[in-house]
Protein backbone atom coordinates (compact mmCIF):
# COMPACT_ATOMS: atom_id res chain seq x y z
CA MET A 1 3.29 122.55 -13.10
CA GLU A 2 0.85 120.29 -14.94
CA ARG A 3 3.24 119.99 -17.89
CA LEU A 4 5.99 118.92 -15.53
CA LEU A 5 3.68 116.29 -14.05
CA LEU A 6 2.92 114.92 -17.51
CA ALA A 7 6.60 114.89 -18.48
CA VAL A 8 7.57 113.17 -15.23
CA ALA A 9 4.95 110.47 -16.00
CA VAL A 10 7.40 109.15 -18.61
CA VAL A 11 9.73 107.60 -16.03
CA PRO A 12 7.34 105.33 -14.07
CA CYS A 13 5.37 104.53 -17.21
CA THR A 14 8.55 103.46 -19.00
CA LEU A 15 9.83 101.34 -16.13
CA LEU A 16 6.51 99.57 -15.61
CA LEU A 17 6.04 99.11 -19.34
CA LEU A 18 9.51 97.56 -19.67
CA ILE A 19 8.57 94.92 -17.12
CA ALA A 20 5.19 94.18 -18.73
CA VAL A 21 6.62 93.97 -22.26
CA GLN A 22 9.32 91.51 -21.23
CA LYS A 23 6.83 89.16 -19.53
CA ARG A 24 4.68 88.48 -22.59
CA VAL A 25 5.64 88.32 -26.26
CA SER A 26 2.24 87.43 -27.75
CA PHE A 27 0.19 89.54 -30.13
CA SER A 28 -1.60 91.13 -27.18
CA THR A 29 1.26 93.49 -26.36
CA PRO A 30 1.37 95.44 -29.65
CA MET A 31 -2.43 95.26 -29.94
CA ALA A 32 -2.95 96.72 -26.45
CA LEU A 33 -0.34 99.42 -27.02
CA SER A 34 -2.00 100.25 -30.33
CA PHE A 35 -5.22 100.96 -28.46
CA ALA A 36 -3.27 102.83 -25.78
CA LEU A 37 -1.89 105.33 -28.29
CA VAL A 38 -5.37 106.12 -29.55
CA ALA A 39 -6.06 108.28 -26.48
CA PRO A 40 -3.20 110.79 -26.90
CA SER A 41 -3.93 110.95 -30.63
CA VAL A 42 -7.64 111.68 -30.15
CA LEU A 43 -7.00 114.18 -27.36
CA ALA A 44 -4.46 116.01 -29.52
CA MET A 45 -7.06 116.21 -32.29
CA LEU A 46 -9.74 117.44 -29.88
CA SER A 47 -7.40 120.04 -28.40
CA GLY A 48 -6.82 121.64 -31.79
CA PHE A 49 -3.33 120.25 -32.43
CA ALA A 50 -4.07 118.03 -35.42
CA LYS A 51 -0.43 117.89 -36.55
CA LEU A 52 0.48 116.03 -33.35
CA SER A 53 -2.31 113.50 -33.69
CA ILE A 54 -1.05 112.27 -37.07
CA PRO A 55 2.32 110.79 -35.95
CA ILE A 56 0.80 109.35 -32.76
CA GLY A 57 -1.96 107.77 -34.83
CA ALA A 58 0.65 106.42 -37.26
CA ALA A 59 2.52 104.75 -34.40
CA SER A 60 -0.78 103.26 -33.22
CA PHE A 61 -1.48 101.95 -36.73
CA PHE A 62 1.99 100.39 -36.96
CA LEU A 63 1.50 98.57 -33.65
CA GLY A 64 -1.87 97.29 -34.81
CA CYS A 65 -0.27 95.99 -38.02
CA ALA A 66 2.52 94.31 -36.03
CA SER A 67 -0.04 92.50 -33.88
CA LEU A 68 -1.99 91.38 -36.95
CA ILE A 69 1.22 89.97 -38.44
CA GLN A 70 1.66 87.90 -35.28
CA VAL A 71 -1.94 86.65 -35.51
CA ILE A 72 -1.74 85.76 -39.22
CA PHE A 73 1.68 84.08 -39.02
CA PRO A 74 1.74 82.59 -35.50
CA PHE A 75 4.45 79.98 -36.09
CA ARG A 76 6.95 81.89 -38.20
CA THR A 77 9.31 83.38 -35.67
CA ILE A 78 11.31 85.20 -38.34
CA ILE A 79 8.33 87.39 -39.21
CA HIS A 80 7.34 88.23 -35.63
CA ALA A 81 7.77 91.87 -34.79
CA ARG A 82 8.43 92.01 -31.07
CA ILE A 83 8.49 95.02 -28.85
CA GLY A 84 11.71 95.02 -26.91
CA GLN A 85 13.09 97.35 -24.30
CA SER A 86 13.73 100.15 -26.76
CA GLY A 87 10.23 99.80 -28.20
CA ALA A 88 8.71 100.08 -24.74
CA VAL A 89 10.69 103.26 -24.07
CA VAL A 90 9.59 104.75 -27.39
CA ILE A 91 5.92 103.90 -26.86
CA ALA A 92 5.86 105.24 -23.30
CA SER A 93 7.59 108.40 -24.51
CA ILE A 94 5.15 108.85 -27.38
CA ALA A 95 2.19 108.51 -25.01
CA ALA A 96 3.49 110.71 -22.20
CA LEU A 97 5.32 113.38 -24.17
CA GLY A 98 2.57 113.45 -26.80
CA ALA A 99 0.06 114.10 -24.03
CA ALA A 100 2.30 116.76 -22.47
CA THR A 101 2.76 118.51 -25.81
CA GLY A 102 -0.95 118.32 -26.57
CA PHE A 103 -1.70 119.76 -23.13
CA GLY A 104 0.67 122.62 -23.83
CA TYR A 105 -1.11 123.49 -27.08
CA ASP A 106 -4.61 122.79 -25.76
CA THR A 107 -6.93 125.65 -26.71
CA ASN A 108 -10.19 123.91 -25.81
CA GLY A 109 -9.76 123.38 -22.06
CA ILE A 110 -9.39 119.62 -21.68
CA SER A 111 -8.69 118.85 -18.02
CA THR A 112 -5.32 117.72 -16.70
CA LEU A 113 -6.87 114.43 -15.59
CA GLY A 114 -7.76 113.56 -19.18
CA TRP A 115 -4.23 114.31 -20.37
CA LEU A 116 -2.63 112.41 -17.47
CA LEU A 117 -4.81 109.39 -18.14
CA ALA A 118 -3.88 109.55 -21.83
CA ALA A 119 -0.20 109.57 -20.87
CA LEU A 120 -0.61 106.51 -18.63
CA THR A 121 -2.79 104.36 -20.94
CA PRO A 122 0.07 101.94 -21.81
CA LEU A 123 0.00 100.80 -18.19
CA GLY A 124 -3.31 99.05 -18.93
CA LEU A 125 -1.12 96.08 -19.89
CA TRP A 126 -0.76 95.37 -16.18
CA LEU A 127 -4.39 94.22 -15.95
CA GLY A 128 -3.29 90.99 -17.61
CA GLU A 129 -0.61 90.52 -14.94
CA ALA A 130 -3.08 90.48 -12.03
CA PRO A 131 -2.60 87.38 -9.84
CA MET A 132 -6.08 86.01 -10.58
CA ILE A 133 -5.73 86.51 -14.34
CA ARG A 134 -2.08 85.69 -15.11
CA PRO A 135 -2.34 81.85 -14.82
CA ARG A 136 -4.94 81.74 -17.59
CA PRO A 137 -3.21 82.61 -20.88
CA THR A 138 -6.31 83.45 -22.93
CA LEU A 139 -7.84 85.57 -20.18
CA SER A 140 -4.50 87.33 -19.66
CA VAL A 141 -4.27 88.22 -23.35
CA TRP A 142 -7.76 89.75 -23.40
CA ALA A 143 -7.23 91.51 -20.07
CA ARG A 144 -4.08 93.20 -21.37
CA ILE A 145 -5.93 94.52 -24.40
CA LEU A 146 -9.03 95.47 -22.39
CA GLY A 147 -6.95 97.32 -19.77
CA CYS A 148 -5.55 99.68 -22.38
CA VAL A 149 -8.93 100.07 -24.10
CA ILE A 150 -10.61 101.01 -20.81
CA LEU A 151 -7.97 103.62 -19.93
CA ALA A 152 -8.03 105.10 -23.44
CA ALA A 153 -11.82 105.24 -23.47
CA ALA A 154 -11.90 106.86 -20.03
CA SER A 155 -9.45 109.52 -21.17
CA ILE A 156 -11.48 110.28 -24.29
CA VAL A 157 -14.76 110.38 -22.32
CA ILE A 158 -13.22 112.83 -19.83
CA ALA A 159 -12.03 115.03 -22.70
CA LEU A 160 -15.41 114.96 -24.42
CA SER A 161 -17.22 115.78 -21.18
CA ASP A 162 -14.84 118.71 -20.63
CA LEU A 163 -15.52 119.99 -24.14
CA ASN A 164 -19.29 119.62 -23.80
CA SER A 165 -19.62 121.13 -20.33
CA PRO A 166 -20.94 124.69 -20.17
CA ALA A 167 -18.35 127.38 -19.56
CA VAL A 168 -18.37 128.73 -16.04
């Protein structure tokens, strides 16, 4: 049942991510999503499924590189790598289905909450769309990145606390 819950998380995550990605096209979107994919990659590594963490980590690295390209060349629109609708679907699928697959192969007992939070980390972008934050562009950029970092860190902390808790 937990695997089904993680797989079903793809649909709302994808729809909400599509809306957030279309609203902003700055460097903050790929940077935040780069941090968001760190959680499923780390959890897959901690669960004992290292082969899954490599492609998720590679996608995270690519998104980080795409955001750095936008920072280094801010006025060259030809070079900008933007995340469109298909990119949002792919990233949401990588996060949710990567977490569901990692949960299925988990041999260390990481809780379902940690995996579910790892699947939903891309939704941290919505922190930058809060009504009090959205009118300020600089604050919105940092809030989008920080939202994904907080969710990813919470997922990793939950996994580490599950691994370090004594067996009952």
